[in-house]
Amino acid sequence: MLGANRNFRVTPEGPPEVQHLARAANDLAQQRDVLLDDVSEQIATAKASVEEEKNRLAALMSELAQAVVVCNLDGRILLYNNRARLQFKALAQGPTSVSGGR
């Protein structure tokens, strides 16, 4: 039930105590299935929400006239807009020294 086949259920046969135990196992399996389905639904909803926010942020970033660069605490660039990309490109093609080419 746990690993092999999620839909497997124990056949309640044999003495009454064994039948009762089989029904209890089946009830627990059904509860587990309901919880797993609920968790899967919550995950799908959260993913859709994150994707929607990501699209909103991308639309906002693309419309900004200013160059925007988003970094993490380690200084790693996580996100940048087209204006920042153009400025980086211009800097890369400019003088090799910040001090005026000495």
C-alpha atoms as a PDB file:
ATOM      1  CA  MET A   1       0.000   0.000   0.000  1.00  0.00           C
ATOM      2  CA  LEU A   2       2.697   2.495   0.919  1.00  0.00           C
ATOM      3  CA  GLY A   3       5.118   2.109  -1.926  1.00  0.00           C
ATOM      4  CA  ALA A   4       3.986  -0.243  -4.634  1.00  0.00           C
ATOM      5  CA  ASN A   5       0.389   0.593  -5.506  1.00  0.00           C
ATOM      6  CA  ARG A   6      -1.459   3.589  -4.137  1.00  0.00           C
ATOM      7  CA  ASN A   7      -4.831   2.105  -5.112  1.00  0.00           C
ATOM      8  CA  PHE A   8      -4.286  -1.271  -3.443  1.00  0.00           C
ATOM      9  CA  ARG A   9      -6.710  -2.128  -0.669  1.00  0.00           C
ATOM     10  CA  VAL A  10      -6.719  -5.121   1.672  1.00  0.00           C
ATOM     11  CA  THR A  11      -9.557  -7.589   1.154  1.00  0.00           C
ATOM     12  CA  PRO A  12     -11.421  -7.890   4.466  1.00  0.00           C
ATOM     13  CA  GLU A  13     -11.735 -11.650   4.888  1.00  0.00           C
ATOM     14  CA  GLY A  14     -11.086 -14.130   7.649  1.00  0.00           C
ATOM     15  CA  PRO A  15     -12.022 -13.811  11.314  1.00  0.00           C
ATOM     16  CA  PRO A  16     -13.919 -10.661  12.391  1.00  0.00           C
ATOM     17  CA  GLU A  17     -10.831  -9.209  14.071  1.00  0.00           C
ATOM     18  CA  VAL A  18      -8.796  -9.544  10.855  1.00  0.00           C
ATOM     19  CA  GLN A  19     -11.654  -8.048   8.812  1.00  0.00           C
ATOM     20  CA  HIS A  20     -11.815  -5.123  11.232  1.00  0.00           C
ATOM     21  CA  LEU A  21      -8.045  -4.636  10.915  1.00  0.00           C
ATOM     22  CA  ALA A  22      -8.280  -4.792   7.101  1.00  0.00           C
ATOM     23  CA  ARG A  23     -11.044  -2.172   7.069  1.00  0.00           C
ATOM     24  CA  ALA A  24      -8.979   0.065   9.378  1.00  0.00           C
ATOM     25  CA  ALA A  25      -5.960  -0.269   7.052  1.00  0.00           C
ATOM     26  CA  ASN A  26      -8.150   0.589   4.064  1.00  0.00           C
ATOM     27  CA  ASP A  27      -9.584   3.621   5.893  1.00  0.00           C
ATOM     28  CA  LEU A  28      -6.076   4.859   6.679  1.00  0.00           C
ATOM     29  CA  ALA A  29      -5.035   4.345   3.059  1.00  0.00           C
ATOM     30  CA  GLN A  30      -8.059   6.365   1.926  1.00  0.00           C
ATOM     31  CA  GLN A  31      -7.222   9.171   4.360  1.00  0.00           C
ATOM     32  CA  ARG A  32      -3.639   9.174   3.088  1.00  0.00           C
ATOM     33  CA  ASP A  33      -4.877   9.438  -0.504  1.00  0.00           C
ATOM     34  CA  VAL A  34      -7.106  12.395   0.363  1.00  0.00           C
ATOM     35  CA  LEU A  35      -4.193  14.147   2.110  1.00  0.00           C
ATOM     36  CA  LEU A  36      -1.800  13.450  -0.771  1.00  0.00           C
ATOM     37  CA  ASP A  37      -4.321  14.840  -3.247  1.00  0.00           C
ATOM     38  CA  ASP A  38      -4.781  17.921  -1.066  1.00  0.00           C
ATOM     39  CA  VAL A  39      -1.025  18.497  -0.836  1.00  0.00           C
ATOM     40  CA  SER A  40      -0.670  18.069  -4.605  1.00  0.00           C
ATOM     41  CA  GLU A  41      -3.444  20.615  -5.152  1.00  0.00           C
ATOM     42  CA  GLN A  42      -1.810  23.095  -2.760  1.00  0.00           C
ATOM     43  CA  ILE A  43       1.540  22.671  -4.525  1.00  0.00           C
ATOM     44  CA  ALA A  44      -0.066  23.276  -7.928  1.00  0.00           C
ATOM     45  CA  THR A  45      -1.811  26.399  -6.615  1.00  0.00           C
ATOM     46  CA  ALA A  46       1.424  27.722  -5.115  1.00  0.00           C
ATOM     47  CA  LYS A  47       3.343  27.067  -8.350  1.00  0.00           C
ATOM     48  CA  ALA A  48       0.686  28.916 -10.361  1.00  0.00           C
ATOM     49  CA  SER A  49       0.837  31.847  -7.936  1.00  0.00           C
ATOM     50  CA  VAL A  50       4.641  32.022  -8.128  1.00  0.00           C
ATOM     51  CA  GLU A  51       4.517  31.868 -11.920  1.00  0.00           C
ATOM     52  CA  GLU A  52       1.973  34.704 -11.982  1.00  0.00           C
ATOM     53  CA  GLU A  53       4.168  36.850  -9.713  1.00  0.00           C
ATOM     54  CA  LYS A  54       7.209  36.032 -11.837  1.00  0.00           C
ATOM     55  CA  ASN A  55       5.395  37.170 -14.977  1.00  0.00           C
ATOM     56  CA  ARG A  56       4.275  40.378 -13.246  1.00  0.00           C
ATOM     57  CA  LEU A  57       7.830  41.117 -12.151  1.00  0.00           C
ATOM     58  CA  ALA A  58       9.199  40.410 -15.628  1.00  0.00           C
ATOM     59  CA  ALA A  59       6.647  42.775 -17.175  1.00  0.00           C
ATOM     60  CA  LEU A  60       7.500  45.488 -14.652  1.00  0.00           C
ATOM     61  CA  MET A  61      11.252  45.060 -15.131  1.00  0.00           C
ATOM     62  CA  SER A  62      10.974  45.245 -18.914  1.00  0.00           C
ATOM     63  CA  GLU A  63       9.060  48.540 -18.745  1.00  0.00           C
ATOM     64  CA  LEU A  64      11.488  50.364 -16.430  1.00  0.00           C
ATOM     65  CA  ALA A  65      13.597  53.105 -18.000  1.00  0.00           C
ATOM     66  CA  GLN A  66      16.271  52.705 -15.322  1.00  0.00           C
ATOM     67  CA  ALA A  67      18.836  49.929 -15.235  1.00  0.00           C
ATOM     68  CA  VAL A  68      17.899  47.453 -12.496  1.00  0.00           C
ATOM     69  CA  VAL A  69      20.126  44.676 -11.183  1.00  0.00           C
ATOM     70  CA  VAL A  70      18.957  42.351  -8.393  1.00  0.00           C
ATOM     71  CA  CYS A  71      21.683  40.525  -6.441  1.00  0.00           C
ATOM     72  CA  ASN A  72      21.688  38.109  -3.541  1.00  0.00           C
ATOM     73  CA  LEU A  73      23.700  38.707  -0.363  1.00  0.00           C
ATOM     74  CA  ASP A  74      26.759  37.089  -1.980  1.00  0.00           C
ATOM     75  CA  GLY A  75      26.666  39.600  -4.839  1.00  0.00           C
ATOM     76  CA  ARG A  76      25.474  37.067  -7.382  1.00  0.00           C
ATOM     77  CA  ILE A  77      23.233  38.642 -10.023  1.00  0.00           C
ATOM     78  CA  LEU A  78      19.804  37.056  -9.908  1.00  0.00           C
ATOM     79  CA  LEU A  79      17.853  39.331 -12.220  1.00  0.00           C
ATOM     80  CA  TYR A  80      18.471  42.305 -14.511  1.00  0.00           C
ATOM     81  CA  ASN A  81      16.514  44.217 -17.091  1.00  0.00           C
ATOM     82  CA  ASN A  82      17.367  45.103 -20.690  1.00  0.00           C
ATOM     83  CA  ARG A  83      18.584  48.598 -19.762  1.00  0.00           C
ATOM     84  CA  ALA A  84      21.127  47.088 -17.334  1.00  0.00           C
ATOM     85  CA  ARG A  85      22.211  44.579 -19.971  1.00  0.00           C
ATOM     86  CA  LEU A  86      22.859  47.405 -22.435  1.00  0.00           C
ATOM     87  CA  GLN A  87      24.881  49.313 -19.837  1.00  0.00           C
ATOM     88  CA  PHE A  88      26.935  46.230 -18.989  1.00  0.00           C
ATOM     89  CA  LYS A  89      27.567  45.707 -22.695  1.00  0.00           C
ATOM     90  CA  ALA A  90      28.670  49.339 -23.132  1.00  0.00           C
ATOM     91  CA  LEU A  91      30.984  49.073 -20.124  1.00  0.00           C
ATOM     92  CA  ALA A  92      32.487  45.849 -21.486  1.00  0.00           C
ATOM     93  CA  GLN A  93      33.249  47.536 -24.825  1.00  0.00           C
ATOM     94  CA  GLY A  94      34.607  50.744 -23.214  1.00  0.00           C
ATOM     95  CA  PRO A  95      38.047  51.525 -21.746  1.00  0.00           C
ATOM     96  CA  THR A  96      39.747  48.670 -19.931  1.00  0.00           C
ATOM     97  CA  SER A  97      40.584  50.781 -16.872  1.00  0.00           C
ATOM     98  CA  VAL A  98      38.271  52.705 -14.603  1.00  0.00           C
ATOM     99  CA  SER A  99      41.029  55.263 -13.955  1.00  0.00           C
ATOM    100  CA  GLY A 100      41.033  56.545 -17.529  1.00  0.00           C
ATOM    101  CA  GLY A 101      43.228  54.028 -19.362  1.00  0.00           C
ATOM    102  CA  ARG A 102      46.504  54.264 -17.424  1.00  0.00           C
END
